Amino acid sequence: MSVDYAEHKTDTRTVTGRGKKRRVRLFMLILLGFLVWAGFTIYDQYMLAQVKADQLAETEQELAEIRQLHDDYKLEIERLQDPEYIEQKIYKDLQMKQDGDTLYQLYP
């Protein structure tokens, strides 16, 4: 009694060939979706980084201006320790005069 295995054997190549094409197509579709999502995410991160870089440059500019103003105030404080400078400020800004001086004001 010999068993013929050829009768039970089915043609699996056509089924697996079609199935393989479907799997490859599904894989490519999933890969394409992932790449689109990754592209949008990278673009969004790039734009966010550009905005933050602009804000950083703006803040550094403001910091430089404030430091310059701070240095100017420190210099003014040092100058105000000198009595001659205080006297000059009084004459110039407050328009005060010493005894015997004449104050002239010119109006355009």
PDB file of N, CA and C in Angstrom:
ATOM      1  N   MET A   1       0.819  -1.157   0.000  1.00  0.00           N
ATOM      2  CA  MET A   1       0.000   0.000   0.000  1.00  0.00           C
ATOM      3  C   MET A   1       0.886   1.252   0.000  1.00  0.00           C
ATOM      4  N   SER A   2       0.914   1.912  -1.087  1.00  0.00           N
ATOM      5  CA  SER A   2       1.726   3.107  -1.187  1.00  0.00           C
ATOM      6  C   SER A   2       0.809   4.330  -1.174  1.00  0.00           C
ATOM      7  N   VAL A   3       1.244   5.343  -0.470  1.00  0.00           N
ATOM      8  CA  VAL A   3       0.449   6.569  -0.340  1.00  0.00           C
ATOM      9  C   VAL A   3       1.032   7.603  -1.286  1.00  0.00           C
ATOM     10  N   ASP A   4       0.165   8.142  -2.066  1.00  0.00           N
ATOM     11  CA  ASP A   4       0.615   9.158  -3.020  1.00  0.00           C
ATOM     12  C   ASP A   4       0.424  10.533  -2.387  1.00  0.00           C
ATOM     13  N   TYR A   5       1.512  11.152  -2.030  1.00  0.00           N
ATOM     14  CA  TYR A   5       1.448  12.458  -1.380  1.00  0.00           C
ATOM     15  C   TYR A   5       1.149  13.566  -2.368  1.00  0.00           C
ATOM     16  N   ALA A   6       1.268  13.332  -3.605  1.00  0.00           N
ATOM     17  CA  ALA A   6       1.029  14.349  -4.621  1.00  0.00           C
ATOM     18  C   ALA A   6      -0.432  14.764  -4.660  1.00  0.00           C
ATOM     19  N   GLU A   7      -1.323  13.870  -4.294  1.00  0.00           N
ATOM     20  CA  GLU A   7      -2.753  14.198  -4.303  1.00  0.00           C
ATOM     21  C   GLU A   7      -3.097  15.218  -3.220  1.00  0.00           C
ATOM     22  N   HIS A   8      -2.458  15.104  -2.099  1.00  0.00           N
ATOM     23  CA  HIS A   8      -2.759  15.992  -0.974  1.00  0.00           C
ATOM     24  C   HIS A   8      -2.030  17.324  -1.048  1.00  0.00           C
ATOM     25  N   LYS A   9      -1.075  17.390  -1.885  1.00  0.00           N
ATOM     26  CA  LYS A   9      -0.273  18.611  -2.012  1.00  0.00           C
ATOM     27  C   LYS A   9      -1.044  19.626  -2.837  1.00  0.00           C
ATOM     28  N   THR A  10      -1.196  20.823  -2.337  1.00  0.00           N
ATOM     29  CA  THR A  10      -1.882  21.890  -3.066  1.00  0.00           C
ATOM     30  C   THR A  10      -0.863  22.884  -3.560  1.00  0.00           C
ATOM     31  N   ASP A  11      -1.276  23.654  -4.495  1.00  0.00           N
ATOM     32  CA  ASP A  11      -0.367  24.657  -5.069  1.00  0.00           C
ATOM     33  C   ASP A  11      -0.331  25.857  -4.122  1.00  0.00           C
ATOM     34  N   THR A  12       0.669  25.944  -3.280  1.00  0.00           N
ATOM     35  CA  THR A  12       0.770  27.007  -2.280  1.00  0.00           C
ATOM     36  C   THR A  12       1.472  28.236  -2.827  1.00  0.00           C
ATOM     37  N   ARG A  13       2.144  28.118  -3.944  1.00  0.00           N
ATOM     38  CA  ARG A  13       2.880  29.265  -4.472  1.00  0.00           C
ATOM     39  C   ARG A  13       1.941  30.380  -4.908  1.00  0.00           C
ATOM     40  N   THR A  14       0.845  30.086  -5.509  1.00  0.00           N
ATOM     41  CA  THR A  14      -0.062  31.139  -5.955  1.00  0.00           C
ATOM     42  C   THR A  14      -0.721  31.819  -4.765  1.00  0.00           C
ATOM     43  N   VAL A  15      -1.067  31.042  -3.756  1.00  0.00           N
ATOM     44  CA  VAL A  15      -1.676  31.625  -2.558  1.00  0.00           C
ATOM     45  C   VAL A  15      -0.646  32.456  -1.814  1.00  0.00           C
ATOM     46  N   THR A  16       0.536  31.909  -1.601  1.00  0.00           N
ATOM     47  CA  THR A  16       1.561  32.656  -0.878  1.00  0.00           C
ATOM     48  C   THR A  16       2.061  33.825  -1.710  1.00  0.00           C
ATOM     49  N   GLY A  17       2.085  33.717  -3.029  1.00  0.00           N
ATOM     50  CA  GLY A  17       2.504  34.820  -3.881  1.00  0.00           C
ATOM     51  C   GLY A  17       1.545  35.990  -3.760  1.00  0.00           C
ATOM     52  N   ARG A  18       0.246  35.713  -3.777  1.00  0.00           N
ATOM     53  CA  ARG A  18      -0.749  36.770  -3.591  1.00  0.00           C
ATOM     54  C   ARG A  18      -0.681  37.332  -2.172  1.00  0.00           C
ATOM     55  N   GLY A  19      -0.547  36.456  -1.205  1.00  0.00           N
ATOM     56  CA  GLY A  19      -0.446  36.885   0.193  1.00  0.00           C
ATOM     57  C   GLY A  19       0.810  37.705   0.440  1.00  0.00           C
ATOM     58  N   LYS A  20       1.874  37.309  -0.225  1.00  0.00           N
ATOM     59  CA  LYS A  20       3.132  38.043  -0.062  1.00  0.00           C
ATOM     60  C   LYS A  20       2.993  39.454  -0.628  1.00  0.00           C
ATOM     61  N   LYS A  21       2.347  39.583  -1.783  1.00  0.00           N
ATOM     62  CA  LYS A  21       2.138  40.909  -2.366  1.00  0.00           C
ATOM     63  C   LYS A  21       1.283  41.772  -1.451  1.00  0.00           C
ATOM     64  N   ARG A  22       0.270  41.174  -0.857  1.00  0.00           N
ATOM     65  CA  ARG A  22      -0.589  41.932   0.070  1.00  0.00           C
ATOM     66  C   ARG A  22       0.201  42.380   1.296  1.00  0.00           C
ATOM     67  N   ARG A  23       1.018  41.474   1.829  1.00  0.00           N
ATOM     68  CA  ARG A  23       1.820  41.824   3.007  1.00  0.00           C
ATOM     69  C   ARG A  23       2.824  42.931   2.684  1.00  0.00           C
ATOM     70  N   VAL A  24       3.445  42.828   1.528  1.00  0.00           N
ATOM     71  CA  VAL A  24       4.412  43.858   1.126  1.00  0.00           C
ATOM     72  C   VAL A  24       3.694  45.180   0.924  1.00  0.00           C
ATOM     73  N   ARG A  25       2.539  45.164   0.281  1.00  0.00           N
ATOM     74  CA  ARG A  25       1.759  46.383   0.058  1.00  0.00           C
ATOM     75  C   ARG A  25       1.324  46.997   1.395  1.00  0.00           C
ATOM     76  N   LEU A  26       0.873  46.166   2.332  1.00  0.00           N
ATOM     77  CA  LEU A  26       0.470  46.655   3.652  1.00  0.00           C
ATOM     78  C   LEU A  26       1.677  47.234   4.393  1.00  0.00           C
ATOM     79  N   PHE A  27       2.807  46.540   4.305  1.00  0.00           N
ATOM     80  CA  PHE A  27       4.013  47.038   4.952  1.00  0.00           C
ATOM     81  C   PHE A  27       4.425  48.386   4.367  1.00  0.00           C
ATOM     82  N   MET A  28       4.385  48.523   3.054  1.00  0.00           N
ATOM     83  CA  MET A  28       4.749  49.786   2.404  1.00  0.00           C
ATOM     84  C   MET A  28       3.777  50.903   2.794  1.00  0.00           C
ATOM     85  N   LEU A  29       2.499  50.576   2.899  1.00  0.00           N
ATOM     86  CA  LEU A  29       1.510  51.579   3.309  1.00  0.00           C
ATOM     87  C   LEU A  29       1.774  52.041   4.740  1.00  0.00           C
ATOM     88  N   ILE A  30       2.072  51.102   5.619  1.00  0.00           N
ATOM     89  CA  ILE A  30       2.393  51.461   7.014  1.00  0.00           C
ATOM     90  C   ILE A  30       3.677  52.268   7.062  1.00  0.00           C
ATOM     91  N   LEU A  31       4.680  51.872   6.278  1.00  0.00           N
ATOM     92  CA  LEU A  31       5.948  52.603   6.226  1.00  0.00           C
ATOM     93  C   LEU A  31       5.736  54.019   5.703  1.00  0.00           C
ATOM     94  N   LEU A  32       4.910  54.163   4.670  1.00  0.00           N
ATOM     95  CA  LEU A  32       4.611  55.487   4.134  1.00  0.00           C
ATOM     96  C   LEU A  32       3.915  56.358   5.176  1.00  0.00           C
ATOM     97  N   GLY A  33       2.960  55.784   5.884  1.00  0.00           N
ATOM     98  CA  GLY A  33       2.284  56.529   6.952  1.00  0.00           C
ATOM     99  C   GLY A  33       3.250  56.984   8.026  1.00  0.00           C
ATOM    100  N   PHE A  34       4.156  56.099   8.418  1.00  0.00           N
ATOM    101  CA  PHE A  34       5.148  56.457   9.427  1.00  0.00           C
ATOM    102  C   PHE A  34       6.059  57.578   8.935  1.00  0.00           C
ATOM    103  N   LEU A  35       6.496  57.497   7.684  1.00  0.00           N
ATOM    104  CA  LEU A  35       7.383  58.521   7.144  1.00  0.00           C
ATOM    105  C   LEU A  35       6.682  59.873   7.037  1.00  0.00           C
ATOM    106  N   VAL A  36       5.412  59.867   6.667  1.00  0.00           N
ATOM    107  CA  VAL A  36       4.653  61.128   6.615  1.00  0.00           C
ATOM    108  C   VAL A  36       4.537  61.715   8.016  1.00  0.00           C
ATOM    109  N   TRP A  37       4.197  60.883   8.992  1.00  0.00           N
ATOM    110  CA  TRP A  37       4.084  61.355  10.384  1.00  0.00           C
ATOM    111  C   TRP A  37       5.434  61.897  10.868  1.00  0.00           C
ATOM    112  N   ALA A  38       6.521  61.168  10.577  1.00  0.00           N
ATOM    113  CA  ALA A  38       7.853  61.612  11.002  1.00  0.00           C
ATOM    114  C   ALA A  38       8.221  62.933  10.327  1.00  0.00           C
ATOM    115  N   GLY A  39       7.872  63.084   9.054  1.00  0.00           N
ATOM    116  CA  GLY A  39       8.167  64.334   8.351  1.00  0.00           C
ATOM    117  C   GLY A  39       7.445  65.513   8.968  1.00  0.00           C
ATOM    118  N   PHE A  40       6.154  65.350   9.264  1.00  0.00           N
ATOM    119  CA  PHE A  40       5.412  66.436   9.900  1.00  0.00           C
ATOM    120  C   PHE A  40       5.964  66.753  11.278  1.00  0.00           C
ATOM    121  N   THR A  41       6.340  65.734  12.019  1.00  0.00           N
ATOM    122  CA  THR A  41       6.892  65.952  13.359  1.00  0.00           C
ATOM    123  C   THR A  41       8.223  66.700  13.290  1.00  0.00           C
ATOM    124  N   ILE A  42       9.074  66.309  12.366  1.00  0.00           N
ATOM    125  CA  ILE A  42      10.375  66.982  12.218  1.00  0.00           C
ATOM    126  C   ILE A  42      10.171  68.435  11.799  1.00  0.00           C
ATOM    127  N   TYR A  43       9.256  68.672  10.876  1.00  0.00           N
ATOM    128  CA  TYR A  43       8.981  70.045  10.437  1.00  0.00           C
ATOM    129  C   TYR A  43       8.454  70.882  11.594  1.00  0.00           C
ATOM    130  N   ASP A  44       7.550  70.314  12.384  1.00  0.00           N
ATOM    131  CA  ASP A  44       6.993  71.037  13.529  1.00  0.00           C
ATOM    132  C   ASP A  44       8.085  71.364  14.542  1.00  0.00           C
ATOM    133  N   GLN A  45       8.966  70.414  14.814  1.00  0.00           N
ATOM    134  CA  GLN A  45      10.062  70.650  15.748  1.00  0.00           C
ATOM    135  C   GLN A  45      11.029  71.708  15.214  1.00  0.00           C
ATOM    136  N   TYR A  46      11.270  71.687  13.916  1.00  0.00           N
ATOM    137  CA  TYR A  46      12.149  72.679  13.304  1.00  0.00           C
ATOM    138  C   TYR A  46      11.561  74.081  13.456  1.00  0.00           C
ATOM    139  N   MET A  47      10.271  74.214  13.184  1.00  0.00           N
ATOM    140  CA  MET A  47       9.631  75.525  13.309  1.00  0.00           C
ATOM    141  C   MET A  47       9.638  75.994  14.766  1.00  0.00           C
ATOM    142  N   LEU A  48       9.400  75.093  15.694  1.00  0.00           N
ATOM    143  CA  LEU A  48       9.440  75.443  17.117  1.00  0.00           C
ATOM    144  C   LEU A  48      10.845  75.879  17.519  1.00  0.00           C
ATOM    145  N   ALA A  49      11.863  75.207  17.001  1.00  0.00           N
ATOM    146  CA  ALA A  49      13.246  75.581  17.309  1.00  0.00           C
ATOM    147  C   ALA A  49      13.571  76.965  16.737  1.00  0.00           C
ATOM    148  N   GLN A  50      13.047  77.289  15.558  1.00  0.00           N
ATOM    149  CA  GLN A  50      13.265  78.609  14.962  1.00  0.00           C
ATOM    150  C   GLN A  50      12.633  79.697  15.833  1.00  0.00           C
ATOM    151  N   VAL A  51      11.423  79.459  16.310  1.00  0.00           N
ATOM    152  CA  VAL A  51      10.749  80.443  17.165  1.00  0.00           C
ATOM    153  C   VAL A  51      11.542  80.639  18.447  1.00  0.00           C
ATOM    154  N   LYS A  52      11.993  79.555  19.041  1.00  0.00           N
ATOM    155  CA  LYS A  52      12.771  79.658  20.282  1.00  0.00           C
ATOM    156  C   LYS A  52      14.103  80.364  20.039  1.00  0.00           C
ATOM    157  N   ALA A  53      14.734  80.127  18.899  1.00  0.00           N
ATOM    158  CA  ALA A  53      15.997  80.805  18.583  1.00  0.00           C
ATOM    159  C   ALA A  53      15.768  82.304  18.426  1.00  0.00           C
ATOM    160  N   ASP A  54      14.660  82.693  17.798  1.00  0.00           N
ATOM    161  CA  ASP A  54      14.343  84.113  17.657  1.00  0.00           C
ATOM    162  C   ASP A  54      14.088  84.747  19.024  1.00  0.00           C
ATOM    163  N   GLN A  55      13.361  84.036  19.882  1.00  0.00           N
ATOM    164  CA  GLN A  55      13.106  84.552  21.233  1.00  0.00           C
ATOM    165  C   GLN A  55      14.403  84.683  22.019  1.00  0.00           C
ATOM    166  N   LEU A  56      15.303  83.725  21.861  1.00  0.00           N
ATOM    167  CA  LEU A  56      16.583  83.775  22.560  1.00  0.00           C
ATOM    168  C   LEU A  56      17.408  84.970  22.108  1.00  0.00           C
ATOM    169  N   ALA A  57      17.442  85.215  20.804  1.00  0.00           N
ATOM    170  CA  ALA A  57      18.201  86.363  20.293  1.00  0.00           C
ATOM    171  C   ALA A  57      17.614  87.672  20.808  1.00  0.00           C
ATOM    172  N   GLU A  58      16.287  87.750  20.849  1.00  0.00           N
ATOM    173  CA  GLU A  58      15.624  88.950  21.354  1.00  0.00           C
ATOM    174  C   GLU A  58      15.945  89.175  22.835  1.00  0.00           C
ATOM    175  N   THR A  59      15.894  88.103  23.612  1.00  0.00           N
ATOM    176  CA  THR A  59      16.170  88.202  25.043  1.00  0.00           C
ATOM    177  C   THR A  59      17.626  88.557  25.297  1.00  0.00           C
ATOM    178  N   GLU A  60      18.536  88.008  24.504  1.00  0.00           N
ATOM    179  CA  GLU A  60      19.953  88.359  24.669  1.00  0.00           C
ATOM    180  C   GLU A  60      20.199  89.822  24.333  1.00  0.00           C
ATOM    181  N   GLN A  61      19.487  90.356  23.341  1.00  0.00           N
ATOM    182  CA  GLN A  61      19.607  91.773  22.998  1.00  0.00           C
ATOM    183  C   GLN A  61      19.114  92.641  24.154  1.00  0.00           C
ATOM    184  N   GLU A  62      17.975  92.268  24.733  1.00  0.00           N
ATOM    185  CA  GLU A  62      17.448  93.014  25.882  1.00  0.00           C
ATOM    186  C   GLU A  62      18.414  92.939  27.059  1.00  0.00           C
ATOM    187  N   LEU A  63      18.999  91.764  27.269  1.00  0.00           N
ATOM    188  CA  LEU A  63      19.958  91.610  28.368  1.00  0.00           C
ATOM    189  C   LEU A  63      21.177  92.504  28.160  1.00  0.00           C
ATOM    190  N   ALA A  64      21.663  92.596  26.936  1.00  0.00           N
ATOM    191  CA  ALA A  64      22.814  93.464  26.651  1.00  0.00           C
ATOM    192  C   ALA A  64      22.465  94.929  26.917  1.00  0.00           C
ATOM    193  N   GLU A  65      21.249  95.341  26.537  1.00  0.00           N
ATOM    194  CA  GLU A  65      20.832  96.721  26.797  1.00  0.00           C
ATOM    195  C   GLU A  65      20.722  96.991  28.290  1.00  0.00           C
ATOM    196  N   ILE A  66      20.185  96.054  29.029  1.00  0.00           N
ATOM    197  CA  ILE A  66      20.033  96.235  30.477  1.00  0.00           C
ATOM    198  C   ILE A  66      21.395  96.264  31.159  1.00  0.00           C
ATOM    199  N   ARG A  67      22.322  95.420  30.712  1.00  0.00           N
ATOM    200  CA  ARG A  67      23.676  95.452  31.295  1.00  0.00           C
ATOM    201  C   ARG A  67      24.365  96.775  31.008  1.00  0.00           C
ATOM    202  N   GLN A  68      24.176  97.323  29.814  1.00  0.00           N
ATOM    203  CA  GLN A  68      24.761  98.621  29.494  1.00  0.00           C
ATOM    204  C   GLN A  68      24.165  99.703  30.389  1.00  0.00           C
ATOM    205  N   LEU A  69      22.860  99.654  30.586  1.00  0.00           N
ATOM    206  CA  LEU A  69      22.194 100.615  31.468  1.00  0.00           C
ATOM    207  C   LEU A  69      22.702 100.468  32.898  1.00  0.00           C
ATOM    208  N   HIS A  70      22.909  99.234  33.346  1.00  0.00           N
ATOM    209  CA  HIS A  70      23.432  98.985  34.687  1.00  0.00           C
ATOM    210  C   HIS A  70      24.827  99.576  34.837  1.00  0.00           C
ATOM    211  N   ASP A  71      25.675  99.396  33.833  1.00  0.00           N
ATOM    212  CA  ASP A  71      27.022  99.961  33.883  1.00  0.00           C
ATOM    213  C   ASP A  71      26.972 101.491  33.916  1.00  0.00           C
ATOM    214  N   ASP A  72      26.046 102.080  33.157  1.00  0.00           N
ATOM    215  CA  ASP A  72      25.896 103.535  33.167  1.00  0.00           C
ATOM    216  C   ASP A  72      25.483 104.029  34.556  1.00  0.00           C
ATOM    217  N   TYR A  73      24.579 103.310  35.199  1.00  0.00           N
ATOM    218  CA  TYR A  73      24.146 103.706  36.544  1.00  0.00           C
ATOM    219  C   TYR A  73      25.285 103.561  37.556  1.00  0.00           C
ATOM    220  N   LYS A  74      26.077 102.513  37.423  1.00  0.00           N
ATOM    221  CA  LYS A  74      27.209 102.345  38.336  1.00  0.00           C
ATOM    222  C   LYS A  74      28.208 103.483  38.168  1.00  0.00           C
ATOM    223  N   LEU A  75      28.447 103.902  36.925  1.00  0.00           N
ATOM    224  CA  LEU A  75      29.348 105.016  36.669  1.00  0.00           C
ATOM    225  C   LEU A  75      28.787 106.313  37.263  1.00  0.00           C
ATOM    226  N   GLU A  76      27.490 106.504  37.122  1.00  0.00           N
ATOM    227  CA  GLU A  76      26.847 107.703  37.686  1.00  0.00           C
ATOM    228  C   GLU A  76      26.954 107.703  39.211  1.00  0.00           C
ATOM    229  N   ILE A  77      26.806 106.537  39.823  1.00  0.00           N
ATOM    230  CA  ILE A  77      26.932 106.445  41.281  1.00  0.00           C
ATOM    231  C   ILE A  77      28.352 106.797  41.711  1.00  0.00           C
ATOM    232  N   GLU A  78      29.345 106.320  40.981  1.00  0.00           N
ATOM    233  CA  GLU A  78      30.737 106.655  41.304  1.00  0.00           C
ATOM    234  C   GLU A  78      30.982 108.151  41.145  1.00  0.00           C
ATOM    235  N   ARG A  79      30.411 108.744  40.103  1.00  0.00           N
ATOM    236  CA  ARG A  79      30.597 110.187  39.883  1.00  0.00           C
ATOM    237  C   ARG A  79      29.923 111.004  40.982  1.00  0.00           C
ATOM    238  N   LEU A  80      28.802 110.517  41.483  1.00  0.00           N
ATOM    239  CA  LEU A  80      28.092 111.270  42.519  1.00  0.00           C
ATOM    240  C   LEU A  80      28.834 111.286  43.849  1.00  0.00           C
ATOM    241  N   GLN A  81      29.895 110.523  43.971  1.00  0.00           N
ATOM    242  CA  GLN A  81      30.726 110.564  45.168  1.00  0.00           C
ATOM    243  C   GLN A  81      31.671 111.770  45.146  1.00  0.00           C
ATOM    244  N   ASP A  82      31.826 112.409  44.014  1.00  0.00           N
ATOM    245  CA  ASP A  82      32.725 113.547  43.846  1.00  0.00           C
ATOM    246  C   ASP A  82      31.943 114.842  44.066  1.00  0.00           C
ATOM    247  N   PRO A  83      32.365 115.701  45.001  1.00  0.00           N
ATOM    248  CA  PRO A  83      31.638 116.958  45.278  1.00  0.00           C
ATOM    249  C   PRO A  83      31.627 117.912  44.069  1.00  0.00           C
ATOM    250  N   GLU A  84      32.669 117.926  43.276  1.00  0.00           N
ATOM    251  CA  GLU A  84      32.688 118.814  42.119  1.00  0.00           C
ATOM    252  C   GLU A  84      31.636 118.394  41.088  1.00  0.00           C
ATOM    253  N   TYR A  85      31.470 117.103  40.910  1.00  0.00           N
ATOM    254  CA  TYR A  85      30.458 116.617  39.969  1.00  0.00           C
ATOM    255  C   TYR A  85      29.056 116.963  40.469  1.00  0.00           C
ATOM    256  N   ILE A  86      28.852 116.857  41.764  1.00  0.00           N
ATOM    257  CA  ILE A  86      27.542 117.214  42.338  1.00  0.00           C
ATOM    258  C   ILE A  86      27.264 118.697  42.105  1.00  0.00           C
ATOM    259  N   GLU A  87      28.286 119.520  42.293  1.00  0.00           N
ATOM    260  CA  GLU A  87      28.136 120.956  42.070  1.00  0.00           C
ATOM    261  C   GLU A  87      27.790 121.244  40.601  1.00  0.00           C
ATOM    262  N   GLN A  88      28.458 120.569  39.697  1.00  0.00           N
ATOM    263  CA  GLN A  88      28.146 120.743  38.267  1.00  0.00           C
ATOM    264  C   GLN A  88      26.709 120.346  37.970  1.00  0.00           C
ATOM    265  N   LYS A  89      26.256 119.242  38.542  1.00  0.00           N
ATOM    266  CA  LYS A  89      24.881 118.779  38.320  1.00  0.00           C
ATOM    267  C   LYS A  89      23.874 119.796  38.847  1.00  0.00           C
ATOM    268  N   ILE A  90      24.180 120.376  39.986  1.00  0.00           N
ATOM    269  CA  ILE A  90      23.270 121.363  40.569  1.00  0.00           C
ATOM    270  C   ILE A  90      23.158 122.572  39.647  1.00  0.00           C
ATOM    271  N   TYR A  91      24.287 123.061  39.152  1.00  0.00           N
ATOM    272  CA  TYR A  91      24.261 124.227  38.271  1.00  0.00           C
ATOM    273  C   TYR A  91      23.556 123.917  36.960  1.00  0.00           C
ATOM    274  N   LYS A  92      23.830 122.757  36.416  1.00  0.00           N
ATOM    275  CA  LYS A  92      23.302 122.429  35.094  1.00  0.00           C
ATOM    276  C   LYS A  92      21.830 122.010  35.140  1.00  0.00           C
ATOM    277  N   ASP A  93      21.511 121.061  35.997  1.00  0.00           N
ATOM    278  CA  ASP A  93      20.164 120.485  35.990  1.00  0.00           C
ATOM    279  C   ASP A  93      19.155 121.307  36.786  1.00  0.00           C
ATOM    280  N   LEU A  94      19.565 121.828  37.932  1.00  0.00           N
ATOM    281  CA  LEU A  94      18.623 122.558  38.784  1.00  0.00           C
ATOM    282  C   LEU A  94      18.681 124.062  38.578  1.00  0.00           C
ATOM    283  N   GLN A  95      19.607 124.530  37.745  1.00  0.00           N
ATOM    284  CA  GLN A  95      19.777 125.943  37.414  1.00  0.00           C
ATOM    285  C   GLN A  95      19.913 126.809  38.661  1.00  0.00           C
ATOM    286  N   MET A  96      20.713 126.331  39.575  1.00  0.00           N
ATOM    287  CA  MET A  96      20.994 127.106  40.775  1.00  0.00           C
ATOM    288  C   MET A  96      22.277 127.900  40.532  1.00  0.00           C
ATOM    289  N   LYS A  97      22.524 128.899  41.360  1.00  0.00           N
ATOM    290  CA  LYS A  97      23.703 129.730  41.196  1.00  0.00           C
ATOM    291  C   LYS A  97      24.335 129.994  42.552  1.00  0.00           C
ATOM    292  N   GLN A  98      25.598 130.348  42.481  1.00  0.00           N
ATOM    293  CA  GLN A  98      26.300 130.706  43.711  1.00  0.00           C
ATOM    294  C   GLN A  98      26.086 132.198  43.948  1.00  0.00           C
ATOM    295  N   ASP A  99      26.458 132.631  45.157  1.00  0.00           N
ATOM    296  CA  ASP A  99      26.357 134.058  45.460  1.00  0.00           C
ATOM    297  C   ASP A  99      27.291 134.829  44.536  1.00  0.00           C
ATOM    298  N   GLY A 100      26.760 135.864  43.923  1.00  0.00           N
ATOM    299  CA  GLY A 100      27.539 136.700  43.048  1.00  0.00           C
ATOM    300  C   GLY A 100      27.455 136.276  41.585  1.00  0.00           C
ATOM    301  N   ASP A 101      26.899 135.133  41.290  1.00  0.00           N
ATOM    302  CA  ASP A 101      26.738 134.684  39.897  1.00  0.00           C
ATOM    303  C   ASP A 101      25.452 135.224  39.342  1.00  0.00           C
ATOM    304  N   THR A 102      25.425 135.450  38.044  1.00  0.00           N
ATOM    305  CA  THR A 102      24.217 135.885  37.365  1.00  0.00           C
ATOM    306  C   THR A 102      23.732 134.744  36.472  1.00  0.00           C
ATOM    307  N   LEU A 103      22.459 134.435  36.569  1.00  0.00           N
ATOM    308  CA  LEU A 103      21.893 133.341  35.795  1.00  0.00           C
ATOM    309  C   LEU A 103      21.209 133.903  34.564  1.00  0.00           C
ATOM    310  N   TYR A 104      21.640 133.474  33.426  1.00  0.00           N
ATOM    311  CA  TYR A 104      21.027 133.896  32.172  1.00  0.00           C
ATOM    312  C   TYR A 104      20.262 132.724  31.576  1.00  0.00           C
ATOM    313  N   GLN A 105      19.050 133.028  31.136  1.00  0.00           N
ATOM    314  CA  GLN A 105      18.267 132.006  30.457  1.00  0.00           C
ATOM    315  C   GLN A 105      17.887 132.538  29.074  1.00  0.00           C
ATOM    316  N   LEU A 106      18.159 131.741  28.093  1.00  0.00           N
ATOM    317  CA  LEU A 106      17.842 132.140  26.731  1.00  0.00           C
ATOM    318  C   LEU A 106      16.648 131.315  26.246  1.00  0.00           C
ATOM    319  N   TYR A 107      15.654 132.019  25.733  1.00  0.00           N
ATOM    320  CA  TYR A 107      14.473 131.354  25.197  1.00  0.00           C
ATOM    321  C   TYR A 107      14.440 131.570  23.695  1.00  0.00           C
ATOM    322  N   PRO A 108      14.245 130.556  22.957  1.00  0.00           N
ATOM    323  CA  PRO A 108      14.235 130.717  21.496  1.00  0.00           C
ATOM    324  C   PRO A 108      12.991 131.416  20.997  1.00  0.00           C
TER     325      PRO A 108
END
